[in-house]
């Protein structure tokens, strides 16, 4: 249960950052524009470091009731974030095609 809670917490964090990175532009996320917002990238790295502390520093993880994630449990949030990213990018791609077809 503790590992599942930790994986859920990490999944929410990763999905939210994928969403933030994805909605910054109408085009694809995979451009040089991704690296322009240094504050957002710094916030993402700080958030990952804080989550790592919550998960892997024993005194903190006991306080939150989280268990350390094994590599197998770590894959679930990462895969979930990648699926979310794929969904967002596919949606944008279809909107771009639709926009081009209608001439708007």
C-alpha atoms as a PDB file:
ATOM      1  CA  UNK A   1       0.000   0.000   0.000  1.00  0.00           C
ATOM      2  CA  UNK A   2       2.814   2.433   0.844  1.00  0.00           C
ATOM      3  CA  UNK A   3       4.480   1.867  -2.538  1.00  0.00           C
ATOM      4  CA  UNK A   4       1.164   2.307  -4.353  1.00  0.00           C
ATOM      5  CA  UNK A   5       0.578   5.606  -2.563  1.00  0.00           C
ATOM      6  CA  UNK A   6       4.082   6.796  -3.444  1.00  0.00           C
ATOM      7  CA  UNK A   7       3.630   5.761  -7.084  1.00  0.00           C
ATOM      8  CA  UNK A   8       0.315   7.629  -7.217  1.00  0.00           C
ATOM      9  CA  UNK A   9       1.894  10.752  -5.744  1.00  0.00           C
ATOM     10  CA  UNK A  10       4.732  10.633  -8.271  1.00  0.00           C
ATOM     11  CA  UNK A  11       2.265   9.928 -11.092  1.00  0.00           C
ATOM     12  CA  UNK A  12       0.223  13.002 -10.248  1.00  0.00           C
ATOM     13  CA  UNK A  13       3.362  15.155 -10.159  1.00  0.00           C
ATOM     14  CA  UNK A  14       4.676  13.855 -13.489  1.00  0.00           C
ATOM     15  CA  UNK A  15       1.289  14.108 -15.208  1.00  0.00           C
ATOM     16  CA  UNK A  16       0.833  17.689 -14.068  1.00  0.00           C
ATOM     17  CA  UNK A  17       4.252  18.716 -15.329  1.00  0.00           C
ATOM     18  CA  UNK A  18       3.646  16.937 -18.650  1.00  0.00           C
ATOM     19  CA  UNK A  19       0.419  18.906 -18.910  1.00  0.00           C
ATOM     20  CA  UNK A  20       2.159  22.196 -18.081  1.00  0.00           C
ATOM     21  CA  UNK A  21       4.947  21.589 -20.591  1.00  0.00           C
ATOM     22  CA  UNK A  22       2.498  20.492 -23.266  1.00  0.00           C
ATOM     23  CA  UNK A  23       0.009  23.363 -23.047  1.00  0.00           C
ATOM     24  CA  UNK A  24       2.704  26.023 -23.340  1.00  0.00           C
ATOM     25  CA  UNK A  25       2.493  25.868 -27.137  1.00  0.00           C
ATOM     26  CA  UNK A  26      -0.063  25.034 -29.808  1.00  0.00           C
ATOM     27  CA  UNK A  27       2.581  23.091 -31.699  1.00  0.00           C
ATOM     28  CA  UNK A  28       4.583  20.145 -30.483  1.00  0.00           C
ATOM     29  CA  UNK A  29       6.418  20.155 -27.195  1.00  0.00           C
ATOM     30  CA  UNK A  30       9.592  18.879 -28.847  1.00  0.00           C
ATOM     31  CA  UNK A  31      11.135  22.146 -29.990  1.00  0.00           C
ATOM     32  CA  UNK A  32      13.840  24.488 -28.736  1.00  0.00           C
ATOM     33  CA  UNK A  33      11.047  26.472 -27.086  1.00  0.00           C
ATOM     34  CA  UNK A  34      10.922  23.756 -24.402  1.00  0.00           C
ATOM     35  CA  UNK A  35      14.182  25.077 -22.906  1.00  0.00           C
ATOM     36  CA  UNK A  36      13.166  28.769 -22.894  1.00  0.00           C
ATOM     37  CA  UNK A  37      11.381  28.854 -19.541  1.00  0.00           C
ATOM     38  CA  UNK A  38      14.244  28.234 -17.132  1.00  0.00           C
ATOM     39  CA  UNK A  39      12.090  28.902 -14.073  1.00  0.00           C
ATOM     40  CA  UNK A  40       9.658  26.148 -15.044  1.00  0.00           C
ATOM     41  CA  UNK A  41      12.482  23.689 -15.669  1.00  0.00           C
ATOM     42  CA  UNK A  42      14.071  24.637 -12.341  1.00  0.00           C
ATOM     43  CA  UNK A  43      10.727  24.173 -10.569  1.00  0.00           C
ATOM     44  CA  UNK A  44      10.380  20.735 -12.179  1.00  0.00           C
ATOM     45  CA  UNK A  45      13.839  19.681 -11.013  1.00  0.00           C
ATOM     46  CA  UNK A  46      13.220  21.006  -7.496  1.00  0.00           C
ATOM     47  CA  UNK A  47       9.896  19.131  -7.406  1.00  0.00           C
ATOM     48  CA  UNK A  48      11.610  15.902  -8.459  1.00  0.00           C
ATOM     49  CA  UNK A  49      14.265  16.393  -5.789  1.00  0.00           C
ATOM     50  CA  UNK A  50      11.607  16.986  -3.140  1.00  0.00           C
ATOM     51  CA  UNK A  51       9.681  13.884  -4.210  1.00  0.00           C
ATOM     52  CA  UNK A  52      12.905  11.881  -4.109  1.00  0.00           C
ATOM     53  CA  UNK A  53      13.489  13.128  -0.559  1.00  0.00           C
ATOM     54  CA  UNK A  54       9.926  12.236   0.449  1.00  0.00           C
ATOM     55  CA  UNK A  55      10.302   8.753  -1.021  1.00  0.00           C
ATOM     56  CA  UNK A  56      13.871   7.822  -0.142  1.00  0.00           C
ATOM     57  CA  UNK A  57      14.841   9.679   3.044  1.00  0.00           C
ATOM     58  CA  UNK A  58      13.588   7.322   5.784  1.00  0.00           C
ATOM     59  CA  UNK A  59      12.632   9.985   8.329  1.00  0.00           C
ATOM     60  CA  UNK A  60      10.575  11.892   5.764  1.00  0.00           C
ATOM     61  CA  UNK A  61       8.981   8.872   4.070  1.00  0.00           C
ATOM     62  CA  UNK A  62       7.761   7.554   7.425  1.00  0.00           C
ATOM     63  CA  UNK A  63       6.148  10.918   8.123  1.00  0.00           C
ATOM     64  CA  UNK A  64       4.241  10.790   4.805  1.00  0.00           C
ATOM     65  CA  UNK A  65       3.581   7.052   5.022  1.00  0.00           C
ATOM     66  CA  UNK A  66       5.232   6.327   1.669  1.00  0.00           C
ATOM     67  CA  UNK A  67       7.350   3.338   0.811  1.00  0.00           C
ATOM     68  CA  UNK A  68      10.438   3.413  -1.337  1.00  0.00           C
ATOM     69  CA  UNK A  69       9.597   2.706  -4.953  1.00  0.00           C
ATOM     70  CA  UNK A  70      11.150  -0.323  -6.544  1.00  0.00           C
ATOM     71  CA  UNK A  71      12.030  -0.027 -10.246  1.00  0.00           C
ATOM     72  CA  UNK A  72       8.840  -1.927 -11.131  1.00  0.00           C
ATOM     73  CA  UNK A  73       6.647   0.503  -9.188  1.00  0.00           C
ATOM     74  CA  UNK A  74       8.600   3.445 -10.595  1.00  0.00           C
ATOM     75  CA  UNK A  75       7.607   2.426 -14.116  1.00  0.00           C
ATOM     76  CA  UNK A  76       3.879   2.945 -13.508  1.00  0.00           C
ATOM     77  CA  UNK A  77       3.981   6.734 -13.002  1.00  0.00           C
ATOM     78  CA  UNK A  78       6.531   7.184 -15.784  1.00  0.00           C
ATOM     79  CA  UNK A  79       4.414   5.180 -18.234  1.00  0.00           C
ATOM     80  CA  UNK A  80       1.332   7.100 -17.123  1.00  0.00           C
ATOM     81  CA  UNK A  81       3.063  10.429 -17.771  1.00  0.00           C
ATOM     82  CA  UNK A  82       4.229   9.220 -21.192  1.00  0.00           C
ATOM     83  CA  UNK A  83       0.696   8.147 -22.091  1.00  0.00           C
ATOM     84  CA  UNK A  84      -0.544  11.575 -21.014  1.00  0.00           C
ATOM     85  CA  UNK A  85       2.131  13.230 -23.141  1.00  0.00           C
ATOM     86  CA  UNK A  86       1.203  11.074 -26.129  1.00  0.00           C
ATOM     87  CA  UNK A  87      -2.450  12.009 -25.704  1.00  0.00           C
ATOM     88  CA  UNK A  88      -1.689  15.736 -25.492  1.00  0.00           C
ATOM     89  CA  UNK A  89       0.640  15.709 -28.502  1.00  0.00           C
ATOM     90  CA  UNK A  90      -1.801  13.620 -30.582  1.00  0.00           C
ATOM     91  CA  UNK A  91      -4.623  16.003 -29.745  1.00  0.00           C
ATOM     92  CA  UNK A  92      -2.539  18.981 -30.826  1.00  0.00           C
ATOM     93  CA  UNK A  93      -1.520  17.217 -34.044  1.00  0.00           C
ATOM     94  CA  UNK A  94      -5.155  16.505 -34.954  1.00  0.00           C
ATOM     95  CA  UNK A  95      -6.143  20.092 -34.155  1.00  0.00           C
ATOM     96  CA  UNK A  96      -3.373  21.408 -36.409  1.00  0.00           C
ATOM     97  CA  UNK A  97      -4.503  19.170 -39.276  1.00  0.00           C
ATOM     98  CA  UNK A  98      -8.126  20.185 -38.768  1.00  0.00           C
ATOM     99  CA  UNK A  99      -7.146  23.843 -38.704  1.00  0.00           C
ATOM    100  CA  UNK A 100      -5.231  23.450 -41.970  1.00  0.00           C
ATOM    101  CA  UNK A 101      -8.159  21.661 -43.650  1.00  0.00           C
ATOM    102  CA  UNK A 102     -10.636  24.376 -42.718  1.00  0.00           C
ATOM    103  CA  UNK A 103      -8.231  27.164 -43.605  1.00  0.00           C
ATOM    104  CA  UNK A 104      -8.495  28.927 -40.234  1.00  0.00           C
END
